[in-house]
């Protein structure tokens, strides 16, 4: 904590993003969410595409559901670019559906998803985050998309 009263310089947004994916997702350190995603921060695209999470409490609902369904989730950042206080990263997630956090019985299905996330950083934490990821791929890989529509997306 800065006890001098001086404002903290902004951290590199790419470094904050890398830390988020490494510590929060890959290492399962839920306590880091409180540090990197403060109460005033907003995250879009977790859960439903239009879903908005504000602050660590709301985000943790999504986080706990996904990690309880797929505790072995690992996310690889394939590329990170940054400009000013914004970073955008392409990523690949790999996980096994072994728990009930998605509201269904475990399928033991190995899942691979692609996505893109962006963040705006102030100080050393997120102010905003945006996520676009292959939710249709998740549904398809869990075997929830059947019939002609399901065949179209295989």
C-alpha atoms as a PDB file:
ATOM      1  CA  UNK A   1       0.000   0.000   0.000  1.00  0.00           C
ATOM      2  CA  UNK A   2       1.271   3.478  -0.844  1.00  0.00           C
ATOM      3  CA  UNK A   3       1.534   5.400   2.426  1.00  0.00           C
ATOM      4  CA  UNK A   4       3.020   8.560   0.870  1.00  0.00           C
ATOM      5  CA  UNK A   5      -0.280   9.663  -0.635  1.00  0.00           C
ATOM      6  CA  UNK A   6       1.227   9.747  -4.113  1.00  0.00           C
ATOM      7  CA  UNK A   7      -0.856   8.311  -6.920  1.00  0.00           C
ATOM      8  CA  UNK A   8       0.272   4.947  -8.242  1.00  0.00           C
ATOM      9  CA  UNK A   9       1.424   4.875 -11.826  1.00  0.00           C
ATOM     10  CA  UNK A  10      -0.617   2.782 -14.198  1.00  0.00           C
ATOM     11  CA  UNK A  11       0.650  -0.742 -14.622  1.00  0.00           C
ATOM     12  CA  UNK A  12       1.136  -2.049 -18.140  1.00  0.00           C
ATOM     13  CA  UNK A  13      -2.321  -3.343 -19.133  1.00  0.00           C
ATOM     14  CA  UNK A  14      -0.816  -6.411 -20.825  1.00  0.00           C
ATOM     15  CA  UNK A  15       0.977  -7.337 -17.596  1.00  0.00           C
ATOM     16  CA  UNK A  16      -2.262  -6.992 -15.609  1.00  0.00           C
ATOM     17  CA  UNK A  17      -4.065  -9.177 -18.159  1.00  0.00           C
ATOM     18  CA  UNK A  18      -1.340 -11.831 -18.032  1.00  0.00           C
ATOM     19  CA  UNK A  19      -1.461 -11.850 -14.245  1.00  0.00           C
ATOM     20  CA  UNK A  20      -5.275 -12.194 -14.321  1.00  0.00           C
ATOM     21  CA  UNK A  21      -5.219 -15.248 -16.567  1.00  0.00           C
ATOM     22  CA  UNK A  22      -2.248 -16.851 -14.837  1.00  0.00           C
ATOM     23  CA  UNK A  23      -3.166 -16.331 -11.196  1.00  0.00           C
ATOM     24  CA  UNK A  24      -6.964 -16.146 -11.244  1.00  0.00           C
ATOM     25  CA  UNK A  25      -7.696 -18.790 -13.854  1.00  0.00           C
ATOM     26  CA  UNK A  26      -4.673 -21.071 -14.162  1.00  0.00           C
ATOM     27  CA  UNK A  27      -3.642 -21.081 -10.504  1.00  0.00           C
ATOM     28  CA  UNK A  28      -7.182 -20.749  -9.116  1.00  0.00           C
ATOM     29  CA  UNK A  29      -6.309 -17.847  -6.795  1.00  0.00           C
ATOM     30  CA  UNK A  30      -9.774 -16.387  -6.221  1.00  0.00           C
ATOM     31  CA  UNK A  31      -8.360 -13.857  -3.747  1.00  0.00           C
ATOM     32  CA  UNK A  32      -6.555 -12.107  -6.627  1.00  0.00           C
ATOM     33  CA  UNK A  33      -9.966 -11.188  -8.076  1.00  0.00           C
ATOM     34  CA  UNK A  34     -10.426  -8.738  -5.189  1.00  0.00           C
ATOM     35  CA  UNK A  35      -7.070  -7.136  -5.951  1.00  0.00           C
ATOM     36  CA  UNK A  36      -7.379  -6.856  -9.748  1.00  0.00           C
ATOM     37  CA  UNK A  37     -11.144  -6.304 -10.084  1.00  0.00           C
ATOM     38  CA  UNK A  38     -12.309  -3.622  -7.598  1.00  0.00           C
ATOM     39  CA  UNK A  39     -15.903  -2.752  -6.687  1.00  0.00           C
ATOM     40  CA  UNK A  40     -16.215   0.008  -9.316  1.00  0.00           C
ATOM     41  CA  UNK A  41     -14.924  -2.171 -12.183  1.00  0.00           C
ATOM     42  CA  UNK A  42     -17.280  -3.642 -14.787  1.00  0.00           C
ATOM     43  CA  UNK A  43     -16.789  -6.847 -16.790  1.00  0.00           C
ATOM     44  CA  UNK A  44     -18.893  -7.662 -19.865  1.00  0.00           C
ATOM     45  CA  UNK A  45     -19.456 -11.039 -21.558  1.00  0.00           C
ATOM     46  CA  UNK A  46     -19.080 -13.462 -18.672  1.00  0.00           C
ATOM     47  CA  UNK A  47     -21.874 -15.985 -18.550  1.00  0.00           C
ATOM     48  CA  UNK A  48     -24.441 -14.773 -21.053  1.00  0.00           C
ATOM     49  CA  UNK A  49     -23.125 -12.517 -23.859  1.00  0.00           C
ATOM     50  CA  UNK A  50     -25.053  -9.516 -22.539  1.00  0.00           C
ATOM     51  CA  UNK A  51     -24.139 -10.254 -18.920  1.00  0.00           C
ATOM     52  CA  UNK A  52     -22.437  -7.531 -16.913  1.00  0.00           C
ATOM     53  CA  UNK A  53     -20.587  -8.108 -13.659  1.00  0.00           C
ATOM     54  CA  UNK A  54     -19.712  -5.200 -11.422  1.00  0.00           C
ATOM     55  CA  UNK A  55     -17.120  -5.711  -8.734  1.00  0.00           C
ATOM     56  CA  UNK A  56     -15.560  -8.887  -7.456  1.00  0.00           C
ATOM     57  CA  UNK A  57     -18.719 -10.298  -5.835  1.00  0.00           C
ATOM     58  CA  UNK A  58     -20.700 -10.535  -9.062  1.00  0.00           C
ATOM     59  CA  UNK A  59     -17.722 -11.778 -11.080  1.00  0.00           C
ATOM     60  CA  UNK A  60     -17.001 -14.492  -8.505  1.00  0.00           C
ATOM     61  CA  UNK A  61     -20.444 -16.028  -9.154  1.00  0.00           C
ATOM     62  CA  UNK A  62     -19.400 -16.754 -12.760  1.00  0.00           C
ATOM     63  CA  UNK A  63     -15.880 -17.751 -11.700  1.00  0.00           C
ATOM     64  CA  UNK A  64     -17.060 -20.218  -9.035  1.00  0.00           C
ATOM     65  CA  UNK A  65     -19.622 -21.798 -11.386  1.00  0.00           C
ATOM     66  CA  UNK A  66     -17.056 -22.365 -14.141  1.00  0.00           C
ATOM     67  CA  UNK A  67     -14.265 -23.555 -11.840  1.00  0.00           C
ATOM     68  CA  UNK A  68     -16.599 -25.920  -9.983  1.00  0.00           C
ATOM     69  CA  UNK A  69     -17.702 -27.407 -13.307  1.00  0.00           C
ATOM     70  CA  UNK A  70     -14.189 -27.479 -14.775  1.00  0.00           C
ATOM     71  CA  UNK A  71     -11.616 -27.230 -11.961  1.00  0.00           C
ATOM     72  CA  UNK A  72      -8.700 -27.997 -14.296  1.00  0.00           C
ATOM     73  CA  UNK A  73      -9.306 -24.955 -16.526  1.00  0.00           C
ATOM     74  CA  UNK A  74      -6.128 -23.639 -18.132  1.00  0.00           C
ATOM     75  CA  UNK A  75      -6.102 -20.553 -20.324  1.00  0.00           C
ATOM     76  CA  UNK A  76      -3.238 -19.790 -22.680  1.00  0.00           C
ATOM     77  CA  UNK A  77      -2.851 -16.247 -23.910  1.00  0.00           C
ATOM     78  CA  UNK A  78      -2.052 -16.681 -27.594  1.00  0.00           C
ATOM     79  CA  UNK A  79      -1.426 -12.973 -28.211  1.00  0.00           C
ATOM     80  CA  UNK A  80      -1.663  -9.744 -26.239  1.00  0.00           C
ATOM     81  CA  UNK A  81      -1.541  -6.268 -27.739  1.00  0.00           C
ATOM     82  CA  UNK A  82      -1.793  -3.024 -25.851  1.00  0.00           C
ATOM     83  CA  UNK A  83      -2.232   0.645 -26.535  1.00  0.00           C
ATOM     84  CA  UNK A  84      -2.342   3.221 -23.798  1.00  0.00           C
ATOM     85  CA  UNK A  85      -4.350   1.886 -20.877  1.00  0.00           C
ATOM     86  CA  UNK A  86      -6.001  -0.928 -22.890  1.00  0.00           C
ATOM     87  CA  UNK A  87      -4.873  -4.491 -23.632  1.00  0.00           C
ATOM     88  CA  UNK A  88      -6.581  -7.071 -25.842  1.00  0.00           C
ATOM     89  CA  UNK A  89      -5.708 -10.742 -25.817  1.00  0.00           C
ATOM     90  CA  UNK A  90      -6.641 -13.801 -27.857  1.00  0.00           C
ATOM     91  CA  UNK A  91      -6.775 -16.936 -25.750  1.00  0.00           C
ATOM     92  CA  UNK A  92      -7.400 -20.673 -25.794  1.00  0.00           C
ATOM     93  CA  UNK A  93      -9.030 -22.399 -22.818  1.00  0.00           C
ATOM     94  CA  UNK A  94      -8.811 -26.120 -22.139  1.00  0.00           C
ATOM     95  CA  UNK A  95     -10.781 -27.827 -19.392  1.00  0.00           C
ATOM     96  CA  UNK A  96     -12.585 -31.025 -18.428  1.00  0.00           C
ATOM     97  CA  UNK A  97     -16.236 -30.937 -17.347  1.00  0.00           C
ATOM     98  CA  UNK A  98     -16.037 -32.946 -14.107  1.00  0.00           C
ATOM     99  CA  UNK A  99     -18.345 -30.952 -11.809  1.00  0.00           C
ATOM    100  CA  UNK A 100     -21.914 -29.656 -11.652  1.00  0.00           C
ATOM    101  CA  UNK A 101     -21.207 -25.901 -11.701  1.00  0.00           C
ATOM    102  CA  UNK A 102     -22.870 -25.444 -15.089  1.00  0.00           C
ATOM    103  CA  UNK A 103     -26.174 -26.759 -13.776  1.00  0.00           C
ATOM    104  CA  UNK A 104     -25.803 -30.211 -15.295  1.00  0.00           C
ATOM    105  CA  UNK A 105     -24.254 -33.529 -14.396  1.00  0.00           C
ATOM    106  CA  UNK A 106     -20.559 -33.872 -15.253  1.00  0.00           C
ATOM    107  CA  UNK A 107     -19.889 -35.247 -18.736  1.00  0.00           C
ATOM    108  CA  UNK A 108     -16.107 -35.740 -18.327  1.00  0.00           C
ATOM    109  CA  UNK A 109     -15.878 -34.068 -21.726  1.00  0.00           C
ATOM    110  CA  UNK A 110     -12.616 -32.301 -22.552  1.00  0.00           C
ATOM    111  CA  UNK A 111     -13.483 -28.823 -23.816  1.00  0.00           C
ATOM    112  CA  UNK A 112     -11.401 -26.428 -25.886  1.00  0.00           C
ATOM    113  CA  UNK A 113     -12.640 -22.878 -26.390  1.00  0.00           C
ATOM    114  CA  UNK A 114     -11.260 -19.777 -28.084  1.00  0.00           C
ATOM    115  CA  UNK A 115     -11.965 -16.212 -27.066  1.00  0.00           C
ATOM    116  CA  UNK A 116     -10.858 -12.632 -26.959  1.00  0.00           C
ATOM    117  CA  UNK A 117     -10.691 -10.424 -23.887  1.00  0.00           C
ATOM    118  CA  UNK A 118      -9.932  -6.772 -23.485  1.00  0.00           C
ATOM    119  CA  UNK A 119      -9.294  -4.650 -20.435  1.00  0.00           C
ATOM    120  CA  UNK A 120      -8.788  -1.050 -19.473  1.00  0.00           C
ATOM    121  CA  UNK A 121      -6.429  -0.625 -16.541  1.00  0.00           C
ATOM    122  CA  UNK A 122      -6.148   2.157 -14.022  1.00  0.00           C
ATOM    123  CA  UNK A 123      -3.433   1.915 -11.397  1.00  0.00           C
ATOM    124  CA  UNK A 124      -2.783  -1.807 -11.121  1.00  0.00           C
ATOM    125  CA  UNK A 125      -6.346  -3.074 -11.621  1.00  0.00           C
ATOM    126  CA  UNK A 126      -9.115  -3.368 -14.180  1.00  0.00           C
ATOM    127  CA  UNK A 127     -11.611  -0.579 -14.666  1.00  0.00           C
ATOM    128  CA  UNK A 128     -13.427  -2.349 -17.505  1.00  0.00           C
ATOM    129  CA  UNK A 129     -13.219  -5.734 -19.160  1.00  0.00           C
ATOM    130  CA  UNK A 130     -14.804  -7.173 -22.315  1.00  0.00           C
ATOM    131  CA  UNK A 131     -15.040 -10.835 -23.289  1.00  0.00           C
ATOM    132  CA  UNK A 132     -16.165 -12.595 -26.429  1.00  0.00           C
ATOM    133  CA  UNK A 133     -15.829 -16.353 -26.376  1.00  0.00           C
ATOM    134  CA  UNK A 134     -17.149 -19.428 -28.136  1.00  0.00           C
ATOM    135  CA  UNK A 135     -20.230 -20.136 -26.040  1.00  0.00           C
ATOM    136  CA  UNK A 136     -21.768 -22.129 -28.889  1.00  0.00           C
ATOM    137  CA  UNK A 137     -18.648 -24.307 -28.879  1.00  0.00           C
ATOM    138  CA  UNK A 138     -19.114 -24.957 -25.153  1.00  0.00           C
ATOM    139  CA  UNK A 139     -22.727 -26.006 -25.663  1.00  0.00           C
ATOM    140  CA  UNK A 140     -21.788 -28.179 -28.645  1.00  0.00           C
ATOM    141  CA  UNK A 141     -18.874 -29.867 -26.849  1.00  0.00           C
ATOM    142  CA  UNK A 142     -21.092 -30.643 -23.854  1.00  0.00           C
ATOM    143  CA  UNK A 143     -23.512 -32.432 -26.222  1.00  0.00           C
ATOM    144  CA  UNK A 144     -26.357 -29.980 -25.594  1.00  0.00           C
ATOM    145  CA  UNK A 145     -26.857 -29.006 -29.230  1.00  0.00           C
ATOM    146  CA  UNK A 146     -28.567 -31.870 -31.072  1.00  0.00           C
ATOM    147  CA  UNK A 147     -30.431 -32.356 -34.325  1.00  0.00           C
ATOM    148  CA  UNK A 148     -29.953 -30.480 -37.623  1.00  0.00           C
ATOM    149  CA  UNK A 149     -28.810 -27.265 -35.916  1.00  0.00           C
ATOM    150  CA  UNK A 150     -26.175 -29.208 -33.998  1.00  0.00           C
ATOM    151  CA  UNK A 151     -24.852 -30.803 -37.159  1.00  0.00           C
ATOM    152  CA  UNK A 152     -24.485 -27.403 -38.785  1.00  0.00           C
ATOM    153  CA  UNK A 153     -21.972 -26.341 -36.098  1.00  0.00           C
ATOM    154  CA  UNK A 154     -19.806 -29.483 -35.944  1.00  0.00           C
END
